[in-house]
Amino acid sequence: MPLVAGVDSSTQSCKVVVRDAETGALVRQGRAPHPDGTEVDPHAWWEALQAAVAAAGGLADVAAVSVAGQQHGMVCLDPAGEVVRPALLWNDTRSADAARDLIAEAGGGETGRRFWADATGAVPVASFTATKLRWLARHEPANAERVAAVCLPHDWLTWRLAGASGLDALRTDRGDASGTGYWSPRTGEYRLDLLEQALGRRVRVPVVLGPAEPAGQLDPAVLGGGPGTAGPVLLGPGTGDNAAAALGVGAGPGDVVVSIGTSGTVFAVADAPAADPAGAVAGFADATGRFLPLVCTLNAARVLDAAATLLGVDLDALSELALAAPPGADGLVMVPYLEGERTPDRPTATGALHGLTLGTSTPAHLARAAVEGMLCALADGLDALVAQGARADRIILVGGGARSVAVRRIAPQVFGRPVVVPPPGEYVADGAARQAAWVALGGATPPSWVLAGTEEYAGEPVPAIRERYARARDLVVDRPPGRG
């Protein structure tokens, strides 16, 4: 019974799970917090990883470990391997102007967006590494001059686990590389010309490994232990958080994962790369050799929180109220752009209620409209994926919002497809563990792990819900500039 470990170094914390490599059974786990902020010293991640590993009982008995991490973050190293400056995380928006500049330099407008979509699978936004490098070159030229290598959070942690033996030992995978803005999922190669355009010169980048290609071996000294009881501990290539989550829930071609957290993500496992010049779909790669087209929305679970607050109830009561109203809420529609929106690109839009009458002025109707509105916004993302050629045979629903009974039952009516809900878990860490098992056991595909407790939901689609929502969505106006 070989054991493997998976690490999720997320924005908020580090989670470690130790699982049976063959069955996926959870053996033990641990976690440790990360500091707040959109700019973090990577050494804080290293300290959290050490604490989480200790809380999980160590790694002495595992055969392999893989690290999944938050995508896009910029970790810059000098020639000696020292961190140049605190890492800018995916949610640091100071590079928004840099993203616009890079698009403008490629011709601007449709021409510029098409160039970047064809070159890298995605149109630059503030979260991508390339835009952060441009910001660094413009605003901190002295630091930019010190940079000898640039990597991602999971790359840096894997490198440290291997002993940080030199910049030429940096490794990554195609899933995380595809979020940099200078690697092409279509060709499987770096676009070093685009890296040079962003930073002003070329620097070292990690070698991109295959899905189950070892990144080296765990250096026993780095975690204060001797050799593992199972022999040398292999390091998996690791990956980004969304690609790891897809692995963790066992998504395959035809599956679309809808994650309802603070923000929403909708991503599919696809056999062909996506290139959306409109920028709605980011054409990432996955961690298995396929592709992971992805849409992100700003408004997801917090729409439910807001509705519950407005009605003075908790989330369980909100769910009960929503199920007490009929499908379509008798025409009451909520457009849930409570924090603006990213998909569609409406950063200054506000939420709205349409169809309010004496008959729909009830807590049940408002609760139903909130659930349906949130799901309709995510279904818009699903439509964008399908327009880019993704198959959508079933929906895998995860995240905090998926705990709502109303969300589970209403989702098939909105998405028009069967919905499966895995048991609550650390999907990103689980995906990293599954990759580690793939490395440890070998084989052409990752091991098949059965997620006990998965629930299935089906229901007749109700097209009128989406139709009414689309009409109301198109009536939403943006806030005037400078207004709160």
Protein backbone atom coordinates (compact mmCIF):
# COMPACT_ATOMS: atom_id res chain seq x y z
CA MET A 1 0.00 0.00 0.00
CA PRO A 2 2.20 2.88 -1.21
CA LEU A 3 1.22 6.30 0.12
CA VAL A 4 1.40 9.60 -1.73
CA ALA A 5 1.02 13.22 -0.65
CA GLY A 6 -0.72 16.11 -2.37
CA VAL A 7 -0.15 19.77 -1.51
CA ASP A 8 -2.51 22.66 -2.21
CA SER A 9 -0.67 25.94 -1.71
CA SER A 10 -3.65 28.24 -2.18
CA THR A 11 -4.11 31.95 -1.63
CA GLN A 12 -5.44 31.47 1.92
CA SER A 13 -3.60 28.40 3.22
CA CYS A 14 -1.53 25.29 2.59
CA LYS A 15 -3.28 21.92 2.75
CA VAL A 16 -1.55 18.53 2.68
CA VAL A 17 -3.34 15.21 2.18
CA VAL A 18 -1.75 11.77 2.39
CA ARG A 19 -3.63 9.09 0.45
CA ASP A 20 -3.33 5.48 -0.59
CA ALA A 21 -1.84 5.60 -4.09
CA GLU A 22 -3.97 2.74 -5.42
CA THR A 23 -7.39 3.41 -3.87
CA GLY A 24 -7.23 7.11 -3.01
CA ALA A 25 -8.31 6.45 0.57
CA LEU A 26 -7.47 9.36 2.86
CA VAL A 27 -4.89 8.41 5.51
CA ARG A 28 -4.17 11.75 7.18
CA GLN A 29 -4.06 15.49 6.46
CA GLY A 30 -2.82 18.83 7.77
CA ARG A 31 -3.04 22.53 7.03
CA ALA A 32 -1.49 25.88 7.91
CA PRO A 33 -2.53 29.47 7.09
CA HIS A 34 -0.98 31.87 4.62
CA PRO A 35 -0.68 35.62 5.23
CA ASP A 36 -3.30 37.94 3.80
CA GLY A 37 -2.63 40.28 0.93
CA THR A 38 -2.01 40.22 -2.81
CA GLU A 39 1.77 40.46 -2.35
CA VAL A 40 3.47 37.72 -0.31
CA ASP A 41 7.04 36.69 0.47
CA PRO A 42 7.30 33.13 -0.93
CA HIS A 43 9.16 32.08 2.21
CA ALA A 44 5.81 32.37 4.02
CA TRP A 45 4.49 29.63 1.72
CA TRP A 46 7.53 27.49 2.56
CA GLU A 47 6.97 27.91 6.29
CA ALA A 48 3.28 27.05 5.88
CA LEU A 49 4.18 23.97 3.82
CA GLN A 50 6.53 22.78 6.54
CA ALA A 51 3.84 23.33 9.18
CA ALA A 52 1.15 21.59 7.12
CA VAL A 53 3.44 18.62 6.42
CA ALA A 54 4.16 18.31 10.15
CA ALA A 55 0.44 18.49 10.94
CA ALA A 56 -0.13 15.71 8.40
CA GLY A 57 2.38 13.43 10.08
CA GLY A 58 5.34 14.05 7.78
CA LEU A 59 6.41 12.57 4.47
CA ALA A 60 8.80 9.84 5.61
CA ASP A 61 6.48 7.03 4.51
CA VAL A 62 5.28 8.42 1.16
CA ALA A 63 6.48 7.32 -2.26
CA ALA A 64 5.78 10.59 -4.06
CA VAL A 65 4.53 14.12 -3.47
CA SER A 66 3.14 16.73 -5.85
CA VAL A 67 2.43 20.41 -5.28
CA ALA A 68 -0.52 22.29 -6.76
CA GLY A 69 -0.52 26.05 -6.35
CA GLN A 70 -2.42 29.22 -7.06
CA GLN A 71 -1.98 30.08 -10.72
CA HIS A 72 -0.24 33.04 -12.33
CA GLY A 73 1.73 34.45 -9.37
CA MET A 74 5.09 36.02 -10.21
CA VAL A 75 8.10 34.67 -8.29
CA CYS A 76 11.34 36.32 -9.41
CA LEU A 77 14.76 34.90 -8.53
CA ASP A 78 18.23 36.43 -8.82
CA PRO A 79 21.28 34.51 -10.15
CA ALA A 80 21.90 33.02 -6.68
CA GLY A 81 18.30 31.76 -6.43
CA GLU A 82 17.25 34.39 -3.90
CA VAL A 83 13.79 35.92 -4.13
CA VAL A 84 14.05 39.39 -5.68
CA ARG A 85 10.84 40.83 -4.22
CA PRO A 86 7.59 39.57 -2.68
CA ALA A 87 5.53 37.58 -5.17
CA LEU A 88 2.59 39.29 -6.84
CA LEU A 89 -0.42 37.00 -6.61
CA TRP A 90 -3.10 36.31 -9.21
CA ASN A 91 -5.50 38.71 -7.48
CA ASP A 92 -3.09 41.67 -7.48
CA THR A 93 -4.64 44.08 -9.98
CA ARG A 94 -1.88 46.68 -10.22
CA SER A 95 -0.88 45.18 -13.59
CA ALA A 96 -4.23 45.91 -15.26
CA ASP A 97 -2.73 48.79 -17.27
CA ALA A 98 0.14 46.53 -18.29
CA ALA A 99 -2.36 44.03 -19.72
CA ARG A 100 -3.96 46.77 -21.79
CA ASP A 101 -0.54 47.92 -22.98
CA LEU A 102 0.46 44.45 -24.15
CA ILE A 103 -2.77 44.13 -26.12
CA ALA A 104 -2.23 47.59 -27.64
CA GLU A 105 1.32 46.71 -28.66
CA ALA A 106 -0.04 43.72 -30.57
CA GLY A 107 -2.32 45.96 -32.63
CA GLY A 108 -5.01 46.81 -30.11
CA GLY A 109 -8.70 45.96 -30.15
CA GLU A 110 -9.76 42.80 -31.97
CA THR A 111 -6.36 42.51 -33.66
CA GLY A 112 -4.44 42.59 -30.40
CA ARG A 113 -6.78 40.20 -28.63
CA ARG A 114 -6.68 37.78 -31.56
CA PHE A 115 -2.87 37.87 -31.57
CA TRP A 116 -2.63 36.91 -27.90
CA ALA A 117 -5.39 34.29 -28.09
CA ASP A 118 -3.67 32.60 -31.02
CA ALA A 119 -0.21 32.87 -29.42
CA THR A 120 -0.97 31.77 -25.86
CA GLY A 121 -4.62 30.66 -25.74
CA ALA A 122 -5.70 33.65 -23.66
CA VAL A 123 -5.99 37.43 -23.80
CA PRO A 124 -3.81 39.15 -21.16
CA VAL A 125 -5.49 40.23 -17.93
CA ALA A 126 -4.04 41.54 -14.69
CA SER A 127 -3.73 38.06 -13.16
CA PHE A 128 -1.28 36.68 -15.73
CA THR A 129 2.45 36.48 -15.02
CA ALA A 130 3.38 38.34 -18.22
CA THR A 131 1.43 41.43 -17.19
CA LYS A 132 3.06 41.40 -13.75
CA LEU A 133 6.50 41.25 -15.38
CA ARG A 134 5.61 44.29 -17.49
CA TRP A 135 4.50 46.10 -14.31
CA LEU A 136 7.82 45.19 -12.66
CA ALA A 137 9.84 46.47 -15.60
CA ARG A 138 7.95 49.77 -15.62
CA HIS A 139 7.65 50.45 -11.90
CA GLU A 140 10.62 48.67 -10.30
CA PRO A 141 13.38 48.68 -12.93
CA ALA A 142 16.12 47.98 -10.39
CA ASN A 143 14.35 44.83 -9.26
CA ALA A 144 13.60 43.88 -12.86
CA GLU A 145 17.30 44.10 -13.66
CA ARG A 146 18.11 41.62 -10.88
CA VAL A 147 15.78 38.93 -12.24
CA ALA A 148 17.58 35.85 -13.57
CA ALA A 149 14.59 33.48 -13.52
CA VAL A 150 10.84 33.73 -13.15
CA CYS A 151 8.62 30.92 -11.91
CA LEU A 152 5.21 30.24 -10.38
CA PRO A 153 4.28 29.46 -6.77
CA HIS A 154 4.07 25.70 -7.28
CA ASP A 155 7.33 25.70 -9.29
CA TRP A 156 9.18 27.45 -6.48
CA LEU A 157 7.88 25.11 -3.78
CA THR A 158 8.73 22.01 -5.84
CA TRP A 159 12.22 23.44 -6.42
CA ARG A 160 12.65 24.01 -2.68
CA LEU A 161 11.48 20.45 -1.91
CA ALA A 162 14.13 19.17 -4.33
CA GLY A 163 16.84 21.12 -2.52
CA ALA A 164 16.94 24.31 -4.64
CA SER A 165 20.14 23.16 -6.31
CA GLY A 166 20.25 25.85 -8.99
CA LEU A 167 18.07 27.76 -11.40
CA ASP A 168 18.49 25.08 -14.06
CA ALA A 169 16.61 22.68 -11.73
CA LEU A 170 13.35 24.69 -11.92
CA ARG A 171 10.48 22.57 -13.20
CA THR A 172 6.81 23.16 -13.99
CA ASP A 173 3.96 21.52 -15.89
CA ARG A 174 1.88 22.51 -18.88
CA GLY A 175 -1.21 23.30 -16.80
CA ASP A 176 0.47 26.03 -14.78
CA ALA A 177 2.70 27.20 -17.63
CA SER A 178 -0.41 27.92 -19.68
CA GLY A 179 -1.39 30.70 -17.28
CA THR A 180 1.80 32.71 -17.66
CA GLY A 181 1.01 34.51 -20.92
CA TYR A 182 4.23 33.29 -22.54
CA TRP A 183 3.60 29.57 -23.11
CA SER A 184 1.41 28.11 -25.86
CA PRO A 185 -0.95 25.21 -25.10
CA ARG A 186 -1.35 24.71 -28.85
CA THR A 187 2.36 24.19 -29.60
CA GLY A 188 3.51 23.08 -26.14
CA GLU A 189 6.36 25.58 -26.25
CA TYR A 190 7.37 28.82 -24.57
CA ARG A 191 6.92 32.10 -26.42
CA LEU A 192 10.12 33.66 -25.14
CA ASP A 193 9.59 36.60 -27.49
CA LEU A 194 6.49 37.48 -25.46
CA LEU A 195 8.39 37.06 -22.20
CA GLU A 196 10.99 39.45 -23.58
CA GLN A 197 8.27 41.88 -24.65
CA ALA A 198 6.85 41.86 -21.13
CA LEU A 199 10.08 42.17 -19.12
CA GLY A 200 12.37 43.78 -21.67
CA ARG A 201 14.77 40.82 -21.89
CA ARG A 202 14.81 37.03 -21.72
CA VAL A 203 15.38 35.21 -18.43
CA ARG A 204 15.37 31.59 -17.36
CA VAL A 205 12.02 29.81 -17.07
CA PRO A 206 11.24 26.34 -15.68
CA VAL A 207 11.45 23.25 -17.85
CA VAL A 208 7.91 22.06 -18.71
CA LEU A 209 7.48 18.40 -17.76
CA GLY A 210 5.02 15.82 -19.01
CA PRO A 211 1.96 14.97 -16.89
CA ALA A 212 3.60 12.12 -14.94
CA GLU A 213 7.26 13.03 -15.41
CA PRO A 214 9.15 13.29 -12.10
CA ALA A 215 10.54 16.69 -11.17
CA GLY A 216 13.28 15.05 -9.11
CA GLN A 217 13.41 13.64 -5.61
CA LEU A 218 12.59 15.09 -2.23
CA ASP A 219 15.73 16.30 -0.48
CA PRO A 220 15.42 14.70 2.99
CA ALA A 221 17.25 17.63 4.55
CA VAL A 222 14.71 20.26 3.57
CA LEU A 223 12.03 18.94 5.93
CA GLY A 224 14.39 17.81 8.63
CA GLY A 225 13.98 14.07 8.05
CA GLY A 226 15.95 11.11 6.81
CA PRO A 227 15.25 8.98 3.73
CA GLY A 228 11.68 7.75 3.40
CA THR A 229 10.89 4.24 4.55
CA ALA A 230 9.70 3.45 1.04
CA GLY A 231 12.98 4.67 -0.48
CA PRO A 232 13.53 7.93 -2.36
CA VAL A 233 10.47 10.18 -2.46
CA LEU A 234 9.66 11.24 -6.02
CA LEU A 235 8.42 14.74 -6.81
CA GLY A 236 5.62 15.11 -9.29
CA PRO A 237 5.60 17.96 -11.81
CA GLY A 238 2.80 19.69 -9.88
CA THR A 239 0.26 21.95 -11.57
CA GLY A 240 -2.05 24.93 -11.12
CA ASP A 241 -5.04 24.87 -8.82
CA ASN A 242 -7.78 24.49 -11.43
CA ALA A 243 -5.98 21.70 -13.28
CA ALA A 244 -5.43 19.94 -9.95
CA ALA A 245 -9.10 20.33 -9.03
CA ALA A 246 -10.09 18.68 -12.33
CA LEU A 247 -7.81 15.77 -11.44
CA GLY A 248 -9.15 15.68 -7.91
CA VAL A 249 -12.77 15.20 -8.97
CA GLY A 250 -11.89 12.81 -11.79
CA ALA A 251 -13.09 15.07 -14.60
CA GLY A 252 -12.64 13.76 -18.14
CA PRO A 253 -13.66 14.73 -21.66
CA GLY A 254 -17.28 15.84 -21.68
CA ASP A 255 -17.18 16.99 -18.06
CA VAL A 256 -17.55 20.62 -17.06
CA VAL A 257 -16.55 21.57 -13.53
CA VAL A 258 -18.54 24.44 -12.01
CA SER A 259 -16.90 25.71 -8.83
CA ILE A 260 -19.03 28.01 -6.69
CA GLY A 261 -16.73 29.79 -4.29
CA THR A 262 -16.20 33.48 -3.59
CA SER A 263 -15.85 33.75 -7.33
CA GLY A 264 -17.09 31.21 -9.83
CA THR A 265 -15.09 29.13 -12.28
CA VAL A 266 -16.41 27.02 -15.12
CA PHE A 267 -13.89 24.79 -16.87
CA ALA A 268 -13.97 21.79 -19.16
CA VAL A 269 -11.60 18.96 -19.95
CA ALA A 270 -11.18 19.22 -23.72
CA ASP A 271 -9.28 17.42 -26.45
CA ALA A 272 -8.44 20.58 -28.40
CA PRO A 273 -7.03 23.96 -27.34
CA ALA A 274 -9.26 27.03 -27.15
CA ALA A 275 -8.42 30.51 -28.42
CA ASP A 276 -11.12 33.09 -27.64
CA PRO A 277 -10.22 36.60 -28.90
CA ALA A 278 -13.12 38.03 -26.90
CA GLY A 279 -11.21 37.04 -23.76
CA ALA A 280 -14.13 35.33 -22.01
CA VAL A 281 -12.51 31.90 -22.23
CA ALA A 282 -8.91 31.36 -21.11
CA GLY A 283 -7.49 28.51 -23.15
CA PHE A 284 -5.40 26.77 -20.49
CA ALA A 285 -3.87 23.29 -20.60
CA ASP A 286 -4.74 20.61 -18.06
CA ALA A 287 -2.57 18.22 -16.05
CA THR A 288 -3.18 15.11 -18.17
CA GLY A 289 -2.07 16.19 -21.64
CA ARG A 290 -5.45 17.62 -22.62
CA PHE A 291 -6.75 21.16 -22.35
CA LEU A 292 -8.73 23.15 -19.78
CA PRO A 293 -10.68 26.07 -21.27
CA LEU A 294 -11.87 28.18 -18.33
CA VAL A 295 -14.28 31.00 -17.58
CA CYS A 296 -14.18 33.00 -14.36
CA THR A 297 -17.02 35.04 -12.85
CA LEU A 298 -16.76 37.46 -9.94
CA ASN A 299 -20.14 36.70 -8.41
CA ALA A 300 -20.88 33.27 -7.03
CA ALA A 301 -21.45 32.09 -3.45
CA ARG A 302 -21.56 35.62 -2.10
CA VAL A 303 -24.76 36.14 -4.09
CA LEU A 304 -26.35 33.58 -1.77
CA ASP A 305 -24.79 35.29 1.25
CA ALA A 306 -26.22 38.64 0.16
CA ALA A 307 -29.69 37.23 -0.40
CA ALA A 308 -29.63 35.53 2.99
CA THR A 309 -28.59 38.78 4.66
CA LEU A 310 -31.32 40.69 2.83
CA LEU A 311 -33.94 38.20 4.02
CA GLY A 312 -32.51 37.88 7.53
CA VAL A 313 -32.06 34.09 7.30
CA ASP A 314 -29.17 31.63 7.25
CA LEU A 315 -28.12 29.73 4.14
CA ASP A 316 -30.09 26.60 5.02
CA ALA A 317 -33.27 28.64 5.39
CA LEU A 318 -32.50 30.45 2.13
CA SER A 319 -32.33 27.07 0.41
CA GLU A 320 -35.67 26.00 1.85
CA LEU A 321 -37.27 29.27 0.74
CA ALA A 322 -35.90 28.93 -2.80
CA LEU A 323 -37.33 25.42 -3.16
CA ALA A 324 -40.71 26.67 -1.97
CA ALA A 325 -41.04 28.92 -5.05
CA PRO A 326 -41.75 27.57 -8.55
CA PRO A 327 -39.08 27.29 -11.28
CA GLY A 328 -38.58 30.71 -12.79
CA ALA A 329 -39.85 32.42 -9.61
CA ASP A 330 -43.00 33.50 -11.49
CA GLY A 331 -40.89 35.86 -13.60
CA LEU A 332 -38.75 37.43 -10.86
CA VAL A 333 -35.16 37.63 -12.12
CA MET A 334 -32.01 38.62 -10.29
CA VAL A 335 -28.97 39.73 -12.27
CA PRO A 336 -26.25 39.07 -9.68
CA TYR A 337 -23.57 41.57 -10.68
CA LEU A 338 -23.11 42.63 -7.06
CA GLU A 339 -19.39 43.31 -7.48
CA GLY A 340 -19.40 44.22 -11.15
CA GLU A 341 -18.57 41.27 -13.37
CA ARG A 342 -15.61 39.77 -15.20
CA THR A 343 -17.55 37.53 -17.59
CA PRO A 344 -19.07 39.43 -19.29
CA ASP A 345 -16.58 42.27 -18.81
CA ARG A 346 -18.77 44.67 -16.82
CA PRO A 347 -16.54 45.89 -13.97
CA THR A 348 -18.84 48.78 -13.01
CA ALA A 349 -22.18 47.00 -13.42
CA THR A 350 -24.54 46.52 -10.48
CA GLY A 351 -27.02 43.85 -9.54
CA ALA A 352 -30.68 44.22 -10.41
CA LEU A 353 -34.11 42.70 -9.79
CA HIS A 354 -36.63 42.51 -12.65
CA GLY A 355 -40.22 41.34 -12.66
CA LEU A 356 -41.06 42.50 -9.15
CA THR A 357 -44.83 42.43 -8.61
CA LEU A 358 -47.16 42.05 -5.65
CA GLY A 359 -47.20 38.34 -6.37
CA THR A 360 -43.41 37.95 -6.49
CA SER A 361 -42.72 40.17 -3.47
CA THR A 362 -42.16 37.22 -1.16
CA PRO A 363 -39.06 35.84 0.55
CA ALA A 364 -39.42 32.56 -1.37
CA HIS A 365 -39.48 34.29 -4.76
CA LEU A 366 -36.45 36.43 -3.90
CA ALA A 367 -34.53 33.39 -2.65
CA ARG A 368 -35.37 31.46 -5.82
CA ALA A 369 -34.36 34.40 -8.02
CA ALA A 370 -31.01 34.67 -6.23
CA VAL A 371 -30.18 30.99 -6.74
CA GLU A 372 -31.34 31.01 -10.36
CA GLY A 373 -29.53 34.27 -11.12
CA MET A 374 -26.24 32.99 -9.75
CA LEU A 375 -26.60 29.76 -11.74
CA CYS A 376 -27.59 31.63 -14.91
CA ALA A 377 -24.43 33.75 -14.70
CA LEU A 378 -22.39 30.55 -14.46
CA ALA A 379 -24.42 29.05 -17.32
CA ASP A 380 -23.32 32.02 -19.45
CA GLY A 381 -19.79 30.81 -18.81
CA LEU A 382 -20.83 27.30 -19.86
CA ASP A 383 -22.20 28.73 -23.12
CA ALA A 384 -18.87 30.45 -23.77
CA LEU A 385 -17.02 27.13 -23.32
CA VAL A 386 -19.37 25.32 -25.69
CA ALA A 387 -18.93 28.10 -28.26
CA GLN A 388 -15.20 27.35 -28.13
CA GLY A 389 -15.84 23.69 -28.94
CA ALA A 390 -15.92 22.15 -25.45
CA ARG A 391 -18.21 19.19 -24.83
CA ALA A 392 -20.60 19.51 -21.92
CA ASP A 393 -22.22 16.16 -21.21
CA ARG A 394 -22.48 16.60 -17.45
CA ILE A 395 -21.74 19.17 -14.77
CA ILE A 396 -19.52 18.45 -11.76
CA LEU A 397 -20.59 20.91 -9.07
CA VAL A 398 -18.07 21.80 -6.34
CA GLY A 399 -17.25 24.62 -3.93
CA GLY A 400 -18.96 26.09 -0.91
CA GLY A 401 -22.07 27.06 -2.87
CA ALA A 402 -22.59 23.43 -3.89
CA ARG A 403 -23.51 22.60 -0.28
CA SER A 404 -26.87 24.32 -0.84
CA VAL A 405 -29.65 21.80 -1.49
CA ALA A 406 -31.45 24.38 -3.60
CA VAL A 407 -28.39 24.97 -5.76
CA ARG A 408 -28.03 21.22 -6.34
CA ARG A 409 -31.67 20.71 -7.26
CA ILE A 410 -32.08 23.80 -9.41
CA ALA A 411 -28.77 23.43 -11.28
CA PRO A 412 -30.03 20.77 -13.75
CA GLN A 413 -32.99 23.01 -14.64
CA VAL A 414 -30.64 25.90 -15.46
CA PHE A 415 -27.68 24.05 -17.01
CA GLY A 416 -29.86 21.62 -18.94
CA ARG A 417 -27.54 18.73 -18.10
CA PRO A 418 -27.21 16.14 -15.34
CA VAL A 419 -25.30 17.37 -12.29
CA VAL A 420 -23.03 15.36 -10.01
CA VAL A 421 -21.81 16.65 -6.65
CA PRO A 422 -18.71 14.99 -5.14
CA PRO A 423 -18.41 14.79 -1.36
CA PRO A 424 -16.86 17.90 0.23
CA GLY A 425 -13.09 17.70 0.18
CA GLU A 426 -9.78 19.31 -0.65
CA TYR A 427 -10.10 18.82 -4.40
CA VAL A 428 -6.90 20.66 -5.32
CA ALA A 429 -4.76 18.77 -2.81
CA ASP A 430 -6.51 15.55 -3.85
CA GLY A 431 -5.66 16.24 -7.48
CA ALA A 432 -2.02 16.81 -6.56
CA ALA A 433 -2.06 13.52 -4.64
CA ARG A 434 -3.56 11.73 -7.64
CA GLN A 435 -0.78 13.13 -9.82
CA ALA A 436 1.78 11.93 -7.25
CA ALA A 437 0.20 8.47 -7.43
CA TRP A 438 0.48 8.56 -11.23
CA VAL A 439 4.20 9.32 -10.86
CA ALA A 440 4.71 6.62 -8.24
CA LEU A 441 2.72 3.86 -9.96
CA GLY A 442 3.43 4.68 -13.59
CA GLY A 443 0.97 3.91 -16.36
CA ALA A 444 -0.50 5.81 -19.26
CA THR A 445 -3.26 7.45 -17.21
CA PRO A 446 -3.68 8.52 -13.58
CA PRO A 447 -5.10 5.89 -11.22
CA SER A 448 -8.87 5.70 -11.00
CA TRP A 449 -10.07 6.78 -7.58
CA VAL A 450 -13.75 6.40 -6.69
CA LEU A 451 -15.19 9.34 -4.76
CA ALA A 452 -17.54 7.65 -2.31
CA GLY A 453 -20.60 9.71 -1.51
CA THR A 454 -20.98 11.43 -4.89
CA GLU A 455 -24.59 12.50 -5.46
CA GLU A 456 -26.36 12.80 -8.79
CA TYR A 457 -29.11 15.26 -9.65
CA ALA A 458 -31.28 15.34 -12.73
CA GLY A 459 -34.27 17.37 -13.81
CA GLU A 460 -36.04 18.67 -16.85
CA PRO A 461 -34.45 21.84 -18.22
CA VAL A 462 -36.56 24.97 -17.86
CA PRO A 463 -35.46 27.16 -20.81
CA ALA A 464 -37.65 30.05 -19.68
CA ILE A 465 -35.30 30.65 -16.72
CA ARG A 466 -32.35 31.38 -19.02
CA GLU A 467 -34.49 33.27 -21.52
CA ARG A 468 -35.86 35.68 -18.91
CA TYR A 469 -32.42 36.06 -17.37
CA ALA A 470 -30.87 36.97 -20.74
CA ARG A 471 -33.44 39.70 -21.30
CA ALA A 472 -32.88 41.14 -17.83
CA ARG A 473 -29.08 40.86 -18.09
CA ASP A 474 -29.05 42.98 -21.21
CA LEU A 475 -30.93 45.76 -19.39
CA VAL A 476 -28.25 46.14 -16.70
CA VAL A 477 -26.42 49.46 -16.82
CA ASP A 478 -22.95 50.34 -15.56
CA ARG A 479 -22.26 52.84 -12.82
CA PRO A 480 -21.12 56.25 -14.06
CA PRO A 481 -17.35 56.80 -13.70
CA GLY A 482 -16.37 57.89 -10.21
CA ARG A 483 -19.60 56.75 -8.59
CA GLY A 484 -19.67 54.19 -5.76
